[in-house]
């Protein structure tokens, strides 16, 4: 056995070990990448689902608030109209014919003022 042939065998054996190590590293890297891609896909799916649920809930809340605001506004308008009608009929009678325009102007102004207040409350919702 000459020393050159013994050294050659060691080199071949070292090359085989390095080749096997490289194959194992490549396989483990591929498995890790596959697992990471799966986790990323799951995370994206979950985030899209959560976002969709949040949008649905937000839309529902906005619609509910809109309905409540419209109801409050309609109630305020109805009350204002009722007050306007009542104010015209409750005005004291003084001698002579009262000025319809003055009476109506005061009643409309009073009713609009209350309506405006209700509108402002609705705007803060």
PDB file of N, CA and C in Angstrom:
ATOM      1  N   UNK A   1       0.818  -1.161   0.000  1.00  0.00           N
ATOM      2  CA  UNK A   1       0.000   0.000   0.000  1.00  0.00           C
ATOM      3  C   UNK A   1       0.869   1.234   0.000  1.00  0.00           C
ATOM      4  N   UNK A   2       0.683   1.946  -1.026  1.00  0.00           N
ATOM      5  CA  UNK A   2       1.481   3.167  -1.063  1.00  0.00           C
ATOM      6  C   UNK A   2       0.683   4.321  -0.453  1.00  0.00           C
ATOM      7  N   UNK A   3       1.364   5.315   0.106  1.00  0.00           N
ATOM      8  CA  UNK A   3       0.683   6.407   0.818  1.00  0.00           C
ATOM      9  C   UNK A   3      -0.231   7.235  -0.100  1.00  0.00           C
ATOM     10  N   UNK A   4       0.072   7.306  -1.399  1.00  0.00           N
ATOM     11  CA  UNK A   4      -0.754   8.110  -2.307  1.00  0.00           C
ATOM     12  C   UNK A   4      -2.126   7.473  -2.455  1.00  0.00           C
ATOM     13  N   UNK A   5      -2.194   6.142  -2.581  1.00  0.00           N
ATOM     14  CA  UNK A   5      -3.480   5.478  -2.759  1.00  0.00           C
ATOM     15  C   UNK A   5      -4.322   5.561  -1.478  1.00  0.00           C
ATOM     16  N   UNK A   6      -3.657   5.492  -0.313  1.00  0.00           N
ATOM     17  CA  UNK A   6      -4.393   5.631   0.939  1.00  0.00           C
ATOM     18  C   UNK A   6      -4.981   7.032   1.075  1.00  0.00           C
ATOM     19  N   UNK A   7      -4.229   8.057   0.679  1.00  0.00           N
ATOM     20  CA  UNK A   7      -4.709   9.447   0.739  1.00  0.00           C
ATOM     21  C   UNK A   7      -5.843   9.660  -0.230  1.00  0.00           C
ATOM     22  N   UNK A   8      -5.792   9.004  -1.380  1.00  0.00           N
ATOM     23  CA  UNK A   8      -6.847   9.130  -2.373  1.00  0.00           C
ATOM     24  C   UNK A   8      -8.151   8.576  -1.848  1.00  0.00           C
ATOM     25  N   UNK A   9      -8.068   7.453  -1.124  1.00  0.00           N
ATOM     26  CA  UNK A   9      -9.278   6.861  -0.559  1.00  0.00           C
ATOM     27  C   UNK A   9      -9.926   7.796   0.463  1.00  0.00           C
ATOM     28  N   UNK A  10      -9.111   8.462   1.217  1.00  0.00           N
ATOM     29  CA  UNK A  10      -9.643   9.410   2.210  1.00  0.00           C
ATOM     30  C   UNK A  10     -10.350  10.583   1.533  1.00  0.00           C
ATOM     31  N   UNK A  11      -9.770  11.028   0.431  1.00  0.00           N
ATOM     32  CA  UNK A  11     -10.383  12.144  -0.308  1.00  0.00           C
ATOM     33  C   UNK A  11     -11.739  11.745  -0.897  1.00  0.00           C
ATOM     34  N   UNK A  12     -11.793  10.534  -1.437  1.00  0.00           N
ATOM     35  CA  UNK A  12     -13.044  10.045  -2.018  1.00  0.00           C
ATOM     36  C   UNK A  12     -14.097   9.893  -0.921  1.00  0.00           C
ATOM     37  N   UNK A  13     -13.659   9.320   0.191  1.00  0.00           N
ATOM     38  CA  UNK A  13     -14.586   9.134   1.305  1.00  0.00           C
ATOM     39  C   UNK A  13     -15.069  10.494   1.843  1.00  0.00           C
ATOM     40  N   UNK A  14     -14.196  11.471   1.960  1.00  0.00           N
ATOM     41  CA  UNK A  14     -14.565  12.810   2.435  1.00  0.00           C
ATOM     42  C   UNK A  14     -15.541  13.465   1.454  1.00  0.00           C
ATOM     43  N   UNK A  15     -15.296  13.277   0.159  1.00  0.00           N
ATOM     44  CA  UNK A  15     -16.191  13.834  -0.861  1.00  0.00           C
ATOM     45  C   UNK A  15     -17.576  13.208  -0.749  1.00  0.00           C
ATOM     46  N   UNK A  16     -17.652  11.903  -0.514  1.00  0.00           N
ATOM     47  CA  UNK A  16     -18.946  11.228  -0.346  1.00  0.00           C
ATOM     48  C   UNK A  16     -19.690  11.767   0.880  1.00  0.00           C
ATOM     49  N   UNK A  17     -18.960  11.934   1.983  1.00  0.00           N
ATOM     50  CA  UNK A  17     -19.577  12.451   3.217  1.00  0.00           C
ATOM     51  C   UNK A  17     -20.106  13.868   2.974  1.00  0.00           C
ATOM     52  N   UNK A  18     -19.294  14.695   2.294  1.00  0.00           N
ATOM     53  CA  UNK A  18     -19.736  16.058   1.989  1.00  0.00           C
ATOM     54  C   UNK A  18     -20.960  16.045   1.063  1.00  0.00           C
ATOM     55  N   UNK A  19     -20.994  15.160   0.115  1.00  0.00           N
ATOM     56  CA  UNK A  19     -22.138  15.041  -0.790  1.00  0.00           C
ATOM     57  C   UNK A  19     -23.404  14.655  -0.041  1.00  0.00           C
ATOM     58  N   UNK A  20     -23.263  13.649   0.880  1.00  0.00           N
ATOM     59  CA  UNK A  20     -24.416  13.240   1.689  1.00  0.00           C
ATOM     60  C   UNK A  20     -24.898  14.380   2.594  1.00  0.00           C
ATOM     61  N   UNK A  21     -23.946  15.117   3.174  1.00  0.00           N
ATOM     62  CA  UNK A  21     -24.305  16.251   4.036  1.00  0.00           C
ATOM     63  C   UNK A  21     -25.044  17.314   3.226  1.00  0.00           C
ATOM     64  N   UNK A  22     -24.586  17.579   2.000  1.00  0.00           N
ATOM     65  CA  UNK A  22     -25.235  18.572   1.141  1.00  0.00           C
ATOM     66  C   UNK A  22     -26.652  18.133   0.785  1.00  0.00           C
ATOM     67  N   UNK A  23     -26.819  16.830   0.467  1.00  0.00           N
ATOM     68  CA  UNK A  23     -28.165  16.320   0.151  1.00  0.00           C
ATOM     69  C   UNK A  23     -29.102  16.475   1.344  1.00  0.00           C
ATOM     70  N   UNK A  24     -28.595  16.134   2.531  1.00  0.00           N
ATOM     71  CA  UNK A  24     -29.425  16.256   3.731  1.00  0.00           C
ATOM     72  C   UNK A  24     -29.778  17.717   3.996  1.00  0.00           C
ATOM     73  N   UNK A  25     -28.822  18.623   3.844  1.00  0.00           N
ATOM     74  CA  UNK A  25     -29.078  20.048   4.045  1.00  0.00           C
ATOM     75  C   UNK A  25     -30.115  20.550   3.045  1.00  0.00           C
ATOM     76  N   UNK A  26     -30.010  20.143   1.786  1.00  0.00           N
ATOM     77  CA  UNK A  26     -30.979  20.549   0.760  1.00  0.00           C
ATOM     78  C   UNK A  26     -32.385  20.037   1.094  1.00  0.00           C
ATOM     79  N   UNK A  27     -32.454  18.771   1.543  1.00  0.00           N
ATOM     80  CA  UNK A  27     -33.750  18.184   1.886  1.00  0.00           C
ATOM     81  C   UNK A  27     -34.373  18.900   3.085  1.00  0.00           C
ATOM     82  N   UNK A  28     -33.584  19.170   4.121  1.00  0.00           N
ATOM     83  CA  UNK A  28     -34.101  19.877   5.297  1.00  0.00           C
ATOM     84  C   UNK A  28     -34.520  21.308   4.958  1.00  0.00           C
ATOM     85  N   UNK A  29     -33.765  21.948   4.099  1.00  0.00           N
ATOM     86  CA  UNK A  29     -34.111  23.307   3.666  1.00  0.00           C
ATOM     87  C   UNK A  29     -35.436  23.298   2.901  1.00  0.00           C
ATOM     88  N   UNK A  30     -35.625  22.328   2.034  1.00  0.00           N
ATOM     89  CA  UNK A  30     -36.872  22.218   1.263  1.00  0.00           C
ATOM     90  C   UNK A  30     -38.057  21.953   2.190  1.00  0.00           C
ATOM     91  N   UNK A  31     -37.868  21.074   3.176  1.00  0.00           N
ATOM     92  CA  UNK A  31     -38.941  20.797   4.125  1.00  0.00           C
ATOM     93  C   UNK A  31     -39.297  22.045   4.941  1.00  0.00           C
ATOM     94  N   UNK A  32     -38.275  22.773   5.372  1.00  0.00           N
ATOM     95  CA  UNK A  32     -38.521  23.999   6.147  1.00  0.00           C
ATOM     96  C   UNK A  32     -39.254  25.033   5.303  1.00  0.00           C
ATOM     97  N   UNK A  33     -38.864  25.155   4.029  1.00  0.00           N
ATOM     98  CA  UNK A  33     -39.521  26.115   3.137  1.00  0.00           C
ATOM     99  C   UNK A  33     -40.980  25.729   2.918  1.00  0.00           C
ATOM    100  N   UNK A  34     -41.237  24.444   2.733  1.00  0.00           N
ATOM    101  CA  UNK A  34     -42.611  23.971   2.543  1.00  0.00           C
ATOM    102  C   UNK A  34     -43.458  24.265   3.783  1.00  0.00           C
ATOM    103  N   UNK A  35     -42.898  23.988   4.949  1.00  0.00           N
ATOM    104  CA  UNK A  35     -43.628  24.261   6.191  1.00  0.00           C
ATOM    105  C   UNK A  35     -43.876  25.756   6.370  1.00  0.00           C
ATOM    106  N   UNK A  36     -42.884  26.576   6.072  1.00  0.00           N
ATOM    107  CA  UNK A  36     -43.036  28.030   6.195  1.00  0.00           C
ATOM    108  C   UNK A  36     -44.091  28.550   5.220  1.00  0.00           C
ATOM    109  N   UNK A  37     -44.091  28.037   3.995  1.00  0.00           N
ATOM    110  CA  UNK A  37     -45.096  28.450   3.014  1.00  0.00           C
ATOM    111  C   UNK A  37     -46.502  28.073   3.481  1.00  0.00           C
ATOM    112  N   UNK A  38     -46.638  26.892   4.066  1.00  0.00           N
ATOM    113  CA  UNK A  38     -47.938  26.465   4.599  1.00  0.00           C
ATOM    114  C   UNK A  38     -48.401  27.357   5.739  1.00  0.00           C
ATOM    115  N   UNK A  39     -47.489  27.697   6.641  1.00  0.00           N
ATOM    116  CA  UNK A  39     -47.833  28.575   7.760  1.00  0.00           C
ATOM    117  C   UNK A  39     -48.238  29.958   7.253  1.00  0.00           C
ATOM    118  N   UNK A  40     -47.518  30.467   6.264  1.00  0.00           N
ATOM    119  CA  UNK A  40     -47.831  31.774   5.687  1.00  0.00           C
ATOM    120  C   UNK A  40     -49.210  31.760   5.028  1.00  0.00           C
ATOM    121  N   UNK A  41     -49.495  30.691   4.310  1.00  0.00           N
ATOM    122  CA  UNK A  41     -50.803  30.552   3.661  1.00  0.00           C
ATOM    123  C   UNK A  41     -51.924  30.503   4.695  1.00  0.00           C
ATOM    124  N   UNK A  42     -51.719  29.751   5.769  1.00  0.00           N
ATOM    125  CA  UNK A  42     -52.715  29.679   6.835  1.00  0.00           C
ATOM    126  C   UNK A  42     -52.929  31.048   7.479  1.00  0.00           C
ATOM    127  N   UNK A  43     -51.842  31.752   7.718  1.00  0.00           N
ATOM    128  CA  UNK A  43     -51.937  33.079   8.337  1.00  0.00           C
ATOM    129  C   UNK A  43     -52.693  34.049   7.428  1.00  0.00           C
ATOM    130  N   UNK A  44     -52.415  33.995   6.133  1.00  0.00           N
ATOM    131  CA  UNK A  44     -53.131  34.873   5.193  1.00  0.00           C
ATOM    132  C   UNK A  44     -54.620  34.556   5.178  1.00  0.00           C
ATOM    133  N   UNK A  45     -54.943  33.285   5.141  1.00  0.00           N
ATOM    134  CA  UNK A  45     -56.350  32.874   5.130  1.00  0.00           C
ATOM    135  C   UNK A  45     -57.061  33.356   6.380  1.00  0.00           C
ATOM    136  N   UNK A  46     -56.416  33.178   7.521  1.00  0.00           N
ATOM    137  CA  UNK A  46     -57.019  33.602   8.791  1.00  0.00           C
ATOM    138  C   UNK A  46     -57.189  35.119   8.834  1.00  0.00           C
ATOM    139  N   UNK A  47     -56.187  35.859   8.371  1.00  0.00           N
ATOM    140  CA  UNK A  47     -56.294  37.326   8.402  1.00  0.00           C
ATOM    141  C   UNK A  47     -57.391  37.816   7.463  1.00  0.00           C
ATOM    142  N   UNK A  48     -57.540  37.187   6.307  1.00  0.00           N
ATOM    143  CA  UNK A  48     -58.611  37.566   5.383  1.00  0.00           C
ATOM    144  C   UNK A  48     -59.982  37.266   5.992  1.00  0.00           C
ATOM    145  N   UNK A  49     -60.089  36.151   6.695  1.00  0.00           N
ATOM    146  CA  UNK A  49     -61.345  35.795   7.347  1.00  0.00           C
ATOM    147  C   UNK A  49     -61.679  36.806   8.446  1.00  0.00           C
ATOM    148  N   UNK A  50     -60.691  37.154   9.269  1.00  0.00           N
ATOM    149  CA  UNK A  50     -60.916  38.126  10.336  1.00  0.00           C
ATOM    150  C   UNK A  50     -61.295  39.493   9.768  1.00  0.00           C
ATOM    151  N   UNK A  51     -60.625  39.890   8.700  1.00  0.00           N
ATOM    152  CA  UNK A  51     -60.924  41.172   8.063  1.00  0.00           C
ATOM    153  C   UNK A  51     -62.345  41.180   7.510  1.00  0.00           C
ATOM    154  N   UNK A  52     -62.747  40.095   6.898  1.00  0.00           N
ATOM    155  CA  UNK A  52     -64.104  39.993   6.350  1.00  0.00           C
ATOM    156  C   UNK A  52     -65.142  40.080   7.473  1.00  0.00           C
ATOM    157  N   UNK A  53     -64.898  39.379   8.569  1.00  0.00           N
ATOM    158  CA  UNK A  53     -65.827  39.426   9.703  1.00  0.00           C
ATOM    159  C   UNK A  53     -65.893  40.836  10.289  1.00  0.00           C
ATOM    160  N   UNK A  54     -64.744  41.496  10.393  1.00  0.00           N
ATOM    161  CA  UNK A  54     -64.713  42.855  10.935  1.00  0.00           C
ATOM    162  C   UNK A  54     -65.483  43.819  10.031  1.00  0.00           C
ATOM    163  N   UNK A  55     -65.304  43.679   8.724  1.00  0.00           N
ATOM    164  CA  UNK A  55     -66.035  44.550   7.788  1.00  0.00           C
ATOM    165  C   UNK A  55     -67.542  44.320   7.898  1.00  0.00           C
ATOM    166  N   UNK A  56     -67.949  43.066   7.994  1.00  0.00           N
ATOM    167  CA  UNK A  56     -69.368  42.748   8.112  1.00  0.00           C
ATOM    168  C   UNK A  56     -69.949  43.358   9.385  1.00  0.00           C
ATOM    169  N   UNK A  57     -69.217  43.214  10.480  1.00  0.00           N
ATOM    170  CA  UNK A  57     -69.692  43.772  11.750  1.00  0.00           C
ATOM    171  C   UNK A  57     -69.745  45.291  11.686  1.00  0.00           C
ATOM    172  N   UNK A  58     -68.731  45.905  11.110  1.00  0.00           N
ATOM    173  CA  UNK A  58     -68.703  47.369  10.988  1.00  0.00           C
ATOM    174  C   UNK A  58     -69.862  47.862  10.126  1.00  0.00           C
ATOM    175  N   UNK A  59     -70.121  47.183   9.025  1.00  0.00           N
ATOM    176  CA  UNK A  59     -71.243  47.565   8.158  1.00  0.00           C
ATOM    177  C   UNK A  59     -72.564  47.467   8.917  1.00  0.00           C
ATOM    178  N   UNK A  60     -72.711  46.417   9.698  1.00  0.00           N
ATOM    179  CA  UNK A  60     -73.921  46.258  10.497  1.00  0.00           C
ATOM    180  C   UNK A  60     -74.096  47.376  11.509  1.00  0.00           C
ATOM    181  N   UNK A  61     -72.997  47.738  12.178  1.00  0.00           N
ATOM    182  CA  UNK A  61     -73.058  48.818  13.159  1.00  0.00           C
ATOM    183  C   UNK A  61     -73.384  50.151  12.502  1.00  0.00           C
ATOM    184  N   UNK A  62     -72.791  50.408  11.340  1.00  0.00           N
ATOM    185  CA  UNK A  62     -73.057  51.652  10.623  1.00  0.00           C
ATOM    186  C   UNK A  62     -74.525  51.702  10.199  1.00  0.00           C
ATOM    187  N   UNK A  63     -75.031  50.611   9.677  1.00  0.00           N
ATOM    188  CA  UNK A  63     -76.437  50.575   9.258  1.00  0.00           C
ATOM    189  C   UNK A  63     -77.375  50.762  10.449  1.00  0.00           C
ATOM    190  N   UNK A  64     -77.041  50.128  11.552  1.00  0.00           N
ATOM    191  CA  UNK A  64     -77.863  50.275  12.757  1.00  0.00           C
ATOM    192  C   UNK A  64     -77.850  51.729  13.239  1.00  0.00           C
ATOM    193  N   UNK A  65     -76.688  52.341  13.236  1.00  0.00           N
ATOM    194  CA  UNK A  65     -76.584  53.747  13.653  1.00  0.00           C
ATOM    195  C   UNK A  65     -77.362  54.649  12.697  1.00  0.00           C
ATOM    196  N   UNK A  66     -77.294  54.356  11.407  1.00  0.00           N
ATOM    197  CA  UNK A  66     -78.020  55.159  10.415  1.00  0.00           C
ATOM    198  C   UNK A  66     -79.528  55.072  10.654  1.00  0.00           C
ATOM    199  N   UNK A  67     -80.012  53.860  10.917  1.00  0.00           N
ATOM    200  CA  UNK A  67     -81.445  53.676  11.169  1.00  0.00           C
ATOM    201  C   UNK A  67     -81.857  54.431  12.432  1.00  0.00           C
ATOM    202  N   UNK A  68     -81.058  54.312  13.472  1.00  0.00           N
ATOM    203  CA  UNK A  68     -81.369  55.026  14.721  1.00  0.00           C
ATOM    204  C   UNK A  68     -81.360  56.536  14.505  1.00  0.00           C
ATOM    205  N   UNK A  69     -80.400  57.015  13.745  1.00  0.00           N
ATOM    206  CA  UNK A  69     -80.314  58.453  13.484  1.00  0.00           C
ATOM    207  C   UNK A  69     -81.521  58.931  12.680  1.00  0.00           C
ATOM    208  N   UNK A  70     -81.895  58.171  11.675  1.00  0.00           N
ATOM    209  CA  UNK A  70     -83.061  58.549  10.867  1.00  0.00           C
ATOM    210  C   UNK A  70     -84.328  58.531  11.706  1.00  0.00           C
ATOM    211  N   UNK A  71     -84.448  57.546  12.586  1.00  0.00           N
ATOM    212  CA  UNK A  71     -85.611  57.468  13.466  1.00  0.00           C
ATOM    213  C   UNK A  71     -85.663  58.681  14.388  1.00  0.00           C
ATOM    214  N   UNK A  72     -84.523  59.020  14.977  1.00  0.00           N
ATOM    215  CA  UNK A  72     -84.475  60.179  15.862  1.00  0.00           C
ATOM    216  C   UNK A  72     -84.817  61.457  15.105  1.00  0.00           C
ATOM    217  N   UNK A  73     -84.305  61.582  13.917  1.00  0.00           N
ATOM    218  CA  UNK A  73     -84.570  62.775  13.109  1.00  0.00           C
ATOM    219  C   UNK A  73     -86.050  62.854  12.745  1.00  0.00           C
ATOM    220  N   UNK A  74     -86.629  61.742  12.342  1.00  0.00           N
ATOM    221  CA  UNK A  74     -88.059  61.736  12.008  1.00  0.00           C
ATOM    222  C   UNK A  74     -88.910  62.057  13.230  1.00  0.00           C
ATOM    223  N   UNK A  75     -88.541  61.511  14.388  1.00  0.00           N
ATOM    224  CA  UNK A  75     -89.265  61.825  15.619  1.00  0.00           C
ATOM    225  C   UNK A  75     -89.164  63.314  15.941  1.00  0.00           C
ATOM    226  N   UNK A  76     -87.980  63.869  15.776  1.00  0.00           N
ATOM    227  CA  UNK A  76     -87.785  65.298  16.054  1.00  0.00           C
ATOM    228  C   UNK A  76     -88.611  66.149  15.098  1.00  0.00           C
ATOM    229  N   UNK A  77     -88.649  65.777  13.857  1.00  0.00           N
ATOM    230  CA  UNK A  77     -89.450  66.536  12.886  1.00  0.00           C
ATOM    231  C   UNK A  77     -90.936  66.450  13.222  1.00  0.00           C
ATOM    232  N   UNK A  78     -91.369  65.255  13.595  1.00  0.00           N
ATOM    233  CA  UNK A  78     -92.775  65.070  13.967  1.00  0.00           C
ATOM    234  C   UNK A  78     -93.122  65.923  15.182  1.00  0.00           C
ATOM    235  N   UNK A  79     -92.250  65.910  16.178  1.00  0.00           N
ATOM    236  CA  UNK A  79     -92.488  66.730  17.378  1.00  0.00           C
ATOM    237  C   UNK A  79     -92.510  68.209  17.016  1.00  0.00           C
ATOM    238  N   UNK A  80     -91.610  68.611  16.136  1.00  0.00           N
ATOM    239  CA  UNK A  80     -91.561  70.022  15.731  1.00  0.00           C
ATOM    240  C   UNK A  80     -92.842  70.424  15.004  1.00  0.00           C
ATOM    241  N   UNK A  81     -93.312  69.557  14.123  1.00  0.00           N
ATOM    242  CA  UNK A  81     -94.550  69.866  13.409  1.00  0.00           C
ATOM    243  C   UNK A  81     -95.728  69.932  14.370  1.00  0.00           C
ATOM    244  N   UNK A  82     -95.762  69.011  15.328  1.00  0.00           N
ATOM    245  CA  UNK A  82     -96.832  69.012  16.325  1.00  0.00           C
ATOM    246  C   UNK A  82     -96.786  70.291  17.146  1.00  0.00           C
ATOM    247  N   UNK A  83     -95.602  70.673  17.572  1.00  0.00           N
ATOM    248  CA  UNK A  83     -95.446  71.895  18.351  1.00  0.00           C
ATOM    249  C   UNK A  83     -95.850  73.108  17.528  1.00  0.00           C
ATOM    250  N   UNK A  84     -95.526  73.094  16.249  1.00  0.00           N
ATOM    251  CA  UNK A  84     -95.904  74.215  15.385  1.00  0.00           C
ATOM    252  C   UNK A  84     -97.423  74.326  15.319  1.00  0.00           C
ATOM    253  N   UNK A  85     -98.099  73.198  15.109  1.00  0.00           N
ATOM    254  CA  UNK A  85     -99.565  73.218  15.035  1.00  0.00           C
ATOM    255  C   UNK A  85    -100.160  73.668  16.371  1.00  0.00           C
ATOM    256  N   UNK A  86     -99.614  73.165  17.466  1.00  0.00           N
ATOM    257  CA  UNK A  86    -100.131  73.529  18.782  1.00  0.00           C
ATOM    258  C   UNK A  86     -99.884  74.999  19.097  1.00  0.00           C
ATOM    259  N   UNK A  87     -98.746  75.509  18.693  1.00  0.00           N
ATOM    260  CA  UNK A  87     -98.434  76.906  19.003  1.00  0.00           C
ATOM    261  C   UNK A  87     -99.364  77.855  18.257  1.00  0.00           C
ATOM    262  N   UNK A  88     -99.771  77.498  17.069  1.00  0.00           N
ATOM    263  CA  UNK A  88    -100.679  78.339  16.303  1.00  0.00           C
ATOM    264  C   UNK A  88    -102.055  78.334  16.956  1.00  0.00           C
ATOM    265  N   UNK A  89    -102.483  77.186  17.461  1.00  0.00           N
ATOM    266  CA  UNK A  89    -103.814  77.109  18.062  1.00  0.00           C
ATOM    267  C   UNK A  89    -103.842  77.656  19.479  1.00  0.00           C
ATOM    268  N   UNK A  90    -102.731  77.744  20.167  1.00  0.00           N
ATOM    269  CA  UNK A  90    -102.704  78.213  21.562  1.00  0.00           C
ATOM    270  C   UNK A  90    -102.382  79.700  21.704  1.00  0.00           C
ATOM    271  N   UNK A  91    -102.144  80.375  20.644  1.00  0.00           N
ATOM    272  CA  UNK A  91    -101.811  81.797  20.755  1.00  0.00           C
ATOM    273  C   UNK A  91    -102.993  82.561  21.332  1.00  0.00           C
ATOM    274  N   UNK A  92    -102.723  83.490  22.218  1.00  0.00           N
ATOM    275  CA  UNK A  92    -103.832  84.261  22.799  1.00  0.00           C
ATOM    276  C   UNK A  92    -104.503  85.126  21.726  1.00  0.00           C
ATOM    277  N   UNK A  93    -105.769  85.279  21.878  1.00  0.00           N
ATOM    278  CA  UNK A  93    -106.523  86.118  20.947  1.00  0.00           C
ATOM    279  C   UNK A  93    -106.494  87.554  21.479  1.00  0.00           C
ATOM    280  N   UNK A  94    -106.117  88.437  20.674  1.00  0.00           N
ATOM    281  CA  UNK A  94    -106.217  89.830  21.057  1.00  0.00           C
ATOM    282  C   UNK A  94    -107.155  90.511  20.107  1.00  0.00           C
ATOM    283  N   UNK A  95    -107.527  91.664  20.488  1.00  0.00           N
ATOM    284  CA  UNK A  95    -108.557  92.332  19.692  1.00  0.00           C
ATOM    285  C   UNK A  95    -108.065  92.512  18.277  1.00  0.00           C
ATOM    286  N   UNK A  96    -108.893  92.252  17.411  1.00  0.00           N
ATOM    287  CA  UNK A  96    -108.527  92.331  16.013  1.00  0.00           C
ATOM    288  C   UNK A  96    -108.002  90.980  15.551  1.00  0.00           C
ATOM    289  N   UNK A  97    -107.702  90.904  14.327  1.00  0.00           N
ATOM    290  CA  UNK A  97    -107.226  89.644  13.751  1.00  0.00           C
ATOM    291  C   UNK A  97    -105.701  89.588  13.892  1.00  0.00           C
ATOM    292  N   UNK A  98    -105.156  88.539  14.522  1.00  0.00           N
ATOM    293  CA  UNK A  98    -103.691  88.457  14.642  1.00  0.00           C
ATOM    294  C   UNK A  98    -103.056  88.247  13.271  1.00  0.00           C
ATOM    295  N   UNK A  99    -101.869  88.729  13.176  1.00  0.00           N
ATOM    296  CA  UNK A  99    -101.126  88.577  11.924  1.00  0.00           C
ATOM    297  C   UNK A  99    -100.714  87.124  11.765  1.00  0.00           C
ATOM    298  N   UNK A 100    -101.221  86.479  10.744  1.00  0.00           N
ATOM    299  CA  UNK A 100    -100.911  85.071  10.497  1.00  0.00           C
ATOM    300  C   UNK A 100     -99.434  84.891  10.192  1.00  0.00           C
ATOM    301  N   UNK A 101     -98.854  85.796   9.454  1.00  0.00           N
ATOM    302  CA  UNK A 101     -97.440  85.649   9.092  1.00  0.00           C
ATOM    303  C   UNK A 101     -96.547  85.741  10.314  1.00  0.00           C
ATOM    304  N   UNK A 102     -96.868  86.637  11.258  1.00  0.00           N
ATOM    305  CA  UNK A 102     -96.060  86.762  12.471  1.00  0.00           C
ATOM    306  C   UNK A 102     -96.199  85.504  13.327  1.00  0.00           C
ATOM    307  N   UNK A 103     -97.403  85.025  13.490  1.00  0.00           N
ATOM    308  CA  UNK A 103     -97.645  83.828  14.283  1.00  0.00           C
ATOM    309  C   UNK A 103     -96.939  82.628  13.675  1.00  0.00           C
ATOM    310  N   UNK A 104     -97.116  82.471  12.407  1.00  0.00           N
ATOM    311  CA  UNK A 104     -96.513  81.338  11.706  1.00  0.00           C
ATOM    312  C   UNK A 104     -94.994  81.441  11.746  1.00  0.00           C
ATOM    313  N   UNK A 105     -94.481  82.633  11.572  1.00  0.00           N
ATOM    314  CA  UNK A 105     -93.037  82.839  11.593  1.00  0.00           C
ATOM    315  C   UNK A 105     -92.450  82.413  12.933  1.00  0.00           C
ATOM    316  N   UNK A 106     -93.113  82.817  14.043  1.00  0.00           N
ATOM    317  CA  UNK A 106     -92.620  82.454  15.364  1.00  0.00           C
ATOM    318  C   UNK A 106     -92.680  80.937  15.561  1.00  0.00           C
ATOM    319  N   UNK A 107     -93.764  80.324  15.164  1.00  0.00           N
ATOM    320  CA  UNK A 107     -93.931  78.880  15.339  1.00  0.00           C
ATOM    321  C   UNK A 107     -92.922  78.109  14.502  1.00  0.00           C
ATOM    322  N   UNK A 108     -92.736  78.506  13.269  1.00  0.00           N
ATOM    323  CA  UNK A 108     -91.780  77.832  12.389  1.00  0.00           C
ATOM    324  C   UNK A 108     -90.374  78.001  12.931  1.00  0.00           C
ATOM    325  N   UNK A 109     -90.058  79.213  13.380  1.00  0.00           N
ATOM    326  CA  UNK A 109     -88.724  79.468  13.930  1.00  0.00           C
ATOM    327  C   UNK A 109     -88.471  78.589  15.150  1.00  0.00           C
ATOM    328  N   UNK A 110     -89.450  78.503  16.035  1.00  0.00           N
ATOM    329  CA  UNK A 110     -89.316  77.688  17.240  1.00  0.00           C
ATOM    330  C   UNK A 110     -89.163  76.212  16.876  1.00  0.00           C
ATOM    331  N   UNK A 111     -89.974  75.737  15.966  1.00  0.00           N
ATOM    332  CA  UNK A 111     -89.926  74.332  15.561  1.00  0.00           C
ATOM    333  C   UNK A 111     -88.610  74.013  14.862  1.00  0.00           C
ATOM    334  N   UNK A 112     -88.156  74.914  14.006  1.00  0.00           N
ATOM    335  CA  UNK A 112     -86.883  74.678  13.300  1.00  0.00           C
ATOM    336  C   UNK A 112     -85.722  74.659  14.270  1.00  0.00           C
ATOM    337  N   UNK A 113     -85.790  75.508  15.268  1.00  0.00           N
ATOM    338  CA  UNK A 113     -84.727  75.534  16.265  1.00  0.00           C
ATOM    339  C   UNK A 113     -84.621  74.180  16.955  1.00  0.00           C
ATOM    340  N   UNK A 114     -85.753  73.597  17.328  1.00  0.00           N
ATOM    341  CA  UNK A 114     -85.739  72.286  17.973  1.00  0.00           C
ATOM    342  C   UNK A 114     -85.284  71.210  16.992  1.00  0.00           C
ATOM    343  N   UNK A 115     -85.730  71.303  15.765  1.00  0.00           N
ATOM    344  CA  UNK A 115     -85.312  70.347  14.737  1.00  0.00           C
ATOM    345  C   UNK A 115     -83.809  70.426  14.537  1.00  0.00           C
ATOM    346  N   UNK A 116     -83.282  71.647  14.501  1.00  0.00           N
ATOM    347  CA  UNK A 116     -81.851  71.839  14.302  1.00  0.00           C
ATOM    348  C   UNK A 116     -81.088  71.193  15.443  1.00  0.00           C
ATOM    349  N   UNK A 117     -81.581  71.331  16.658  1.00  0.00           N
ATOM    350  CA  UNK A 117     -80.932  70.710  17.810  1.00  0.00           C
ATOM    351  C   UNK A 117     -80.927  69.198  17.654  1.00  0.00           C
ATOM    352  N   UNK A 118     -82.037  68.615  17.230  1.00  0.00           N
ATOM    353  CA  UNK A 118     -82.094  67.166  17.023  1.00  0.00           C
ATOM    354  C   UNK A 118     -81.148  66.759  15.904  1.00  0.00           C
ATOM    355  N   UNK A 119     -81.084  67.543  14.826  1.00  0.00           N
ATOM    356  CA  UNK A 119     -80.158  67.234  13.728  1.00  0.00           C
ATOM    357  C   UNK A 119     -78.731  67.218  14.232  1.00  0.00           C
ATOM    358  N   UNK A 120     -78.386  68.142  15.103  1.00  0.00           N
ATOM    359  CA  UNK A 120     -77.018  68.200  15.637  1.00  0.00           C
ATOM    360  C   UNK A 120     -76.725  66.957  16.467  1.00  0.00           C
ATOM    361  N   UNK A 121     -77.690  66.504  17.247  1.00  0.00           N
ATOM    362  CA  UNK A 121     -77.490  65.281  18.027  1.00  0.00           C
ATOM    363  C   UNK A 121     -77.254  64.097  17.117  1.00  0.00           C
ATOM    364  N   UNK A 122     -77.978  64.017  16.059  1.00  0.00           N
ATOM    365  CA  UNK A 122     -77.831  62.914  15.099  1.00  0.00           C
ATOM    366  C   UNK A 122     -76.449  62.982  14.461  1.00  0.00           C
ATOM    367  N   UNK A 123     -75.972  64.175  14.181  1.00  0.00           N
ATOM    368  CA  UNK A 123     -74.673  64.321  13.520  1.00  0.00           C
ATOM    369  C   UNK A 123     -73.539  63.791  14.387  1.00  0.00           C
ATOM    370  N   UNK A 124     -73.717  63.767  15.712  1.00  0.00           N
ATOM    371  CA  UNK A 124     -72.656  63.287  16.589  1.00  0.00           C
ATOM    372  C   UNK A 124     -72.620  61.782  16.712  1.00  0.00           C
ATOM    373  N   UNK A 125     -73.575  61.076  16.165  1.00  0.00           N
ATOM    374  CA  UNK A 125     -73.586  59.599  16.261  1.00  0.00           C
ATOM    375  C   UNK A 125     -72.475  58.981  15.487  1.00  0.00           C
TER     376      UNK A 125
END
